């Protein structure tokens, strides 16, 4: 029997709870693919943040602006927008902070759903096991002369727990990966925000 046929067989034996578990697994995969493609397109990279901050520290504003406008990603777009639209520290502090929070929220989007799947999948698996065992022991009342039937029923009831735990493990791995990338991106955005505010402060001081 092939792996696919074996999986279908276990799925059918698992009962109705296998359907919401299937939805959880599909949701985890879809969310992971969507977030991966988004991060691949929207992440400007740590190298950009490092070079951009260094150019601002060296007071090379035109070069920093050119780098930001010529680099893809949400972080570079955020830096270019601040440089282009705001030149006063007094007006830009709240603006920079709000724009930084908005960019970070784009990267955080949908990750909470992965954490929900991490929690929900084992609970659904446990629910399926409990209902399956209840059904197995109810059968024992009618088939007391065949205890093997009860044992088989308990074994089938445990299928949902196995599937639920497998889905949770997958979702945990995916969530940890994206949270690691989110932490690094957040640090890059915070570094860029500080460098932008320092540049605006220095520019305002020179004007005075």
Protein backbone atom coordinates (compact mmCIF):
# COMPACT_ATOMS: atom_id res chain seq x y z
CA UNK A 1 0.00 0.00 0.00
CA UNK A 2 1.38 3.43 -0.98
CA UNK A 3 1.90 6.26 1.47
CA UNK A 4 -0.97 8.20 -0.09
CA UNK A 5 -3.37 5.26 0.22
CA UNK A 6 -2.25 4.66 3.81
CA UNK A 7 -2.88 8.31 4.67
CA UNK A 8 -6.35 8.18 3.12
CA UNK A 9 -7.08 5.03 5.09
CA UNK A 10 -6.04 6.64 8.39
CA UNK A 11 -7.99 9.77 7.50
CA UNK A 12 -11.17 7.79 6.98
CA UNK A 13 -10.67 5.85 10.19
CA UNK A 14 -10.08 9.04 12.18
CA UNK A 15 -13.68 10.21 11.95
CA UNK A 16 -15.27 13.64 11.50
CA UNK A 17 -12.58 15.50 13.50
CA UNK A 18 -10.14 14.73 10.69
CA UNK A 19 -11.87 17.31 8.50
CA UNK A 20 -11.14 20.34 10.72
CA UNK A 21 -7.62 18.95 11.17
CA UNK A 22 -7.29 18.83 7.39
CA UNK A 23 -8.41 22.46 7.21
CA UNK A 24 -5.79 23.38 9.84
CA UNK A 25 -3.04 21.67 7.86
CA UNK A 26 -4.09 23.36 4.62
CA UNK A 27 -4.33 26.73 6.35
CA UNK A 28 -0.83 26.32 7.79
CA UNK A 29 0.61 25.52 4.37
CA UNK A 30 -1.24 28.38 2.63
CA UNK A 31 -0.19 30.88 5.31
CA UNK A 32 3.42 29.71 5.14
CA UNK A 33 3.56 30.05 1.35
CA UNK A 34 1.89 33.47 1.42
CA UNK A 35 4.21 34.79 4.16
CA UNK A 36 7.30 33.34 2.47
CA UNK A 37 6.48 35.04 -0.83
CA UNK A 38 5.67 38.30 0.96
CA UNK A 39 8.88 38.25 3.00
CA UNK A 40 10.90 37.43 -0.09
CA UNK A 41 9.51 40.49 -1.86
CA UNK A 42 9.15 42.92 1.06
CA UNK A 43 12.34 42.25 3.02
CA UNK A 44 15.04 44.70 1.97
CA UNK A 45 17.68 42.75 3.88
CA UNK A 46 20.08 43.52 6.71
CA UNK A 47 22.76 44.62 4.22
CA UNK A 48 20.56 47.49 3.08
CA UNK A 49 19.91 48.60 6.66
CA UNK A 50 23.62 48.46 7.49
CA UNK A 51 24.74 50.44 4.43
CA UNK A 52 21.88 52.95 4.71
CA UNK A 53 22.62 53.70 8.37
CA UNK A 54 26.33 54.06 7.61
CA UNK A 55 25.65 56.54 4.80
CA UNK A 56 23.45 58.62 7.09
CA UNK A 57 26.10 58.52 9.82
CA UNK A 58 28.64 59.79 7.29
CA UNK A 59 26.23 62.60 6.31
CA UNK A 60 25.89 61.26 2.77
CA UNK A 61 22.21 62.03 2.38
CA UNK A 62 22.04 61.94 -1.44
CA UNK A 63 23.73 58.53 -1.53
CA UNK A 64 21.40 57.22 1.19
CA UNK A 65 18.37 58.51 -0.71
CA UNK A 66 19.57 56.91 -3.93
CA UNK A 67 20.16 53.61 -2.12
CA UNK A 68 16.69 53.66 -0.55
CA UNK A 69 14.89 54.51 -3.79
CA UNK A 70 16.86 51.91 -5.73
CA UNK A 71 16.30 49.04 -3.29
CA UNK A 72 13.20 46.85 -3.30
CA UNK A 73 11.22 46.06 -0.18
CA UNK A 74 9.05 47.69 2.46
CA UNK A 75 12.00 48.76 4.63
CA UNK A 76 13.68 50.65 1.80
CA UNK A 77 10.36 52.20 0.80
CA UNK A 78 9.85 53.37 4.37
CA UNK A 79 13.29 54.98 4.47
CA UNK A 80 12.84 56.66 1.08
CA UNK A 81 9.41 58.03 2.04
CA UNK A 82 10.69 59.61 5.25
CA UNK A 83 13.65 61.21 3.50
CA UNK A 84 11.48 62.56 0.70
CA UNK A 85 8.56 63.94 2.67
CA UNK A 86 9.91 65.11 6.04
CA UNK A 87 12.91 67.28 6.82
CA UNK A 88 12.03 68.55 10.27
CA UNK A 89 12.67 66.58 13.42
CA UNK A 90 9.78 68.23 15.23
CA UNK A 91 7.34 67.12 12.54
CA UNK A 92 8.93 63.77 11.80
CA UNK A 93 9.29 62.03 15.17
CA UNK A 94 5.71 60.84 15.37
CA UNK A 95 5.59 60.26 11.62
CA UNK A 96 8.67 58.01 11.59
CA UNK A 97 7.38 56.01 14.53
CA UNK A 98 3.94 55.54 12.98
CA UNK A 99 5.37 54.54 9.61
CA UNK A 100 7.77 52.10 11.26
CA UNK A 101 4.92 50.51 13.19
CA UNK A 102 2.90 50.23 9.99
CA UNK A 103 5.72 48.47 8.15
CA UNK A 104 6.26 46.06 11.05
CA UNK A 105 2.52 45.31 11.16
CA UNK A 106 2.68 44.24 7.50
CA UNK A 107 5.32 41.68 8.41
CA UNK A 108 3.37 40.53 11.47
CA UNK A 109 0.18 40.01 9.48
CA UNK A 110 -1.28 36.47 9.53
CA UNK A 111 1.41 35.13 11.89
CA UNK A 112 -1.12 35.09 14.73
CA UNK A 113 -3.17 32.59 12.71
CA UNK A 114 -0.22 30.20 12.71
CA UNK A 115 -0.05 30.43 16.50
CA UNK A 116 -3.79 29.65 16.63
CA UNK A 117 -3.20 26.52 14.54
CA UNK A 118 -0.38 25.50 16.91
CA UNK A 119 -2.85 25.57 19.81
CA UNK A 120 -5.96 24.38 18.02
CA UNK A 121 -4.60 21.29 16.25
CA UNK A 122 -3.65 19.25 19.36
CA UNK A 123 -6.93 20.23 21.03
CA UNK A 124 -8.91 19.01 18.02
CA UNK A 125 -6.85 15.84 18.01
CA UNK A 126 -7.56 15.28 21.68
CA UNK A 127 -11.25 15.94 21.11
CA UNK A 128 -11.30 13.34 18.36
CA UNK A 129 -9.55 10.84 20.60
CA UNK A 130 -12.01 11.39 23.45
CA UNK A 131 -15.08 11.06 21.22
CA UNK A 132 -13.55 8.01 19.55
CA UNK A 133 -12.85 6.32 22.88
CA UNK A 134 -16.37 7.08 24.06
CA UNK A 135 -17.67 5.40 20.94
CA UNK A 136 -15.33 2.43 21.45
CA UNK A 137 -16.46 1.89 25.04
CA UNK A 138 -20.09 2.23 24.01
CA UNK A 139 -19.48 -0.59 21.58
CA UNK A 140 -18.03 -2.60 24.47
CA UNK A 141 -21.47 -2.60 26.09
CA UNK A 142 -22.85 -4.37 23.05
CA UNK A 143 -19.78 -6.47 22.22
CA UNK A 144 -18.55 -7.56 25.60
CA UNK A 145 -17.61 -10.91 24.17
CA UNK A 146 -15.10 -9.29 21.77
CA UNK A 147 -12.65 -7.02 23.65
CA UNK A 148 -10.42 -6.81 20.55
CA UNK A 149 -13.11 -4.67 18.93
CA UNK A 150 -12.70 -2.15 21.76
CA UNK A 151 -8.92 -2.19 21.41
CA UNK A 152 -9.22 -1.50 17.70
CA UNK A 153 -11.62 1.34 18.42
CA UNK A 154 -9.20 2.95 20.89
CA UNK A 155 -6.35 2.63 18.37
CA UNK A 156 -8.45 4.37 15.74
CA UNK A 157 -9.38 7.09 18.23
CA UNK A 158 -5.71 7.91 18.76
CA UNK A 159 -5.29 8.68 15.05
CA UNK A 160 -6.68 12.18 15.51
CA UNK A 161 -4.20 12.94 18.28
CA UNK A 162 -1.31 11.84 16.07
CA UNK A 163 -2.51 13.99 13.19
CA UNK A 164 -3.16 16.95 15.47
CA UNK A 165 0.33 16.77 16.97
CA UNK A 166 1.94 16.45 13.53
CA UNK A 167 0.11 19.57 12.33
CA UNK A 168 1.09 21.44 15.50
CA UNK A 169 4.76 20.51 15.04
CA UNK A 170 4.68 21.76 11.45
CA UNK A 171 2.95 25.00 12.47
CA UNK A 172 5.45 25.56 15.32
CA UNK A 173 8.39 25.19 12.94
CA UNK A 174 6.83 27.61 10.44
CA UNK A 175 5.86 30.12 13.12
CA UNK A 176 9.35 30.03 14.67
CA UNK A 177 10.97 30.60 11.27
CA UNK A 178 8.84 33.65 10.48
CA UNK A 179 9.17 35.06 13.99
CA UNK A 180 12.96 34.83 13.65
CA UNK A 181 12.81 36.79 10.40
CA UNK A 182 10.36 39.27 11.92
CA UNK A 183 12.71 39.93 14.85
CA UNK A 184 15.60 40.65 12.51
CA UNK A 185 13.47 42.91 10.29
CA UNK A 186 12.15 44.78 13.33
CA UNK A 187 15.71 45.44 14.51
CA UNK A 188 16.63 46.73 11.03
CA UNK A 189 13.64 49.09 11.00
CA UNK A 190 14.47 50.37 14.48
CA UNK A 191 18.08 51.05 13.45
CA UNK A 192 16.91 52.89 10.34
CA UNK A 193 14.40 54.92 12.35
CA UNK A 194 17.07 56.03 14.83
CA UNK A 195 19.42 56.97 12.00
CA UNK A 196 16.71 58.96 10.23
CA UNK A 197 15.78 60.88 13.37
CA UNK A 198 19.44 61.62 14.12
CA UNK A 199 19.91 62.90 10.56
CA UNK A 200 16.84 65.11 10.84
CA UNK A 201 18.06 66.44 14.19
CA UNK A 202 21.47 67.25 12.75
CA UNK A 203 19.89 68.92 9.74
CA UNK A 204 17.68 71.05 11.95
CA UNK A 205 20.69 72.05 14.07
CA UNK A 206 22.60 73.15 10.98
CA UNK A 207 19.64 75.25 9.81
CA UNK A 208 19.53 77.02 13.21
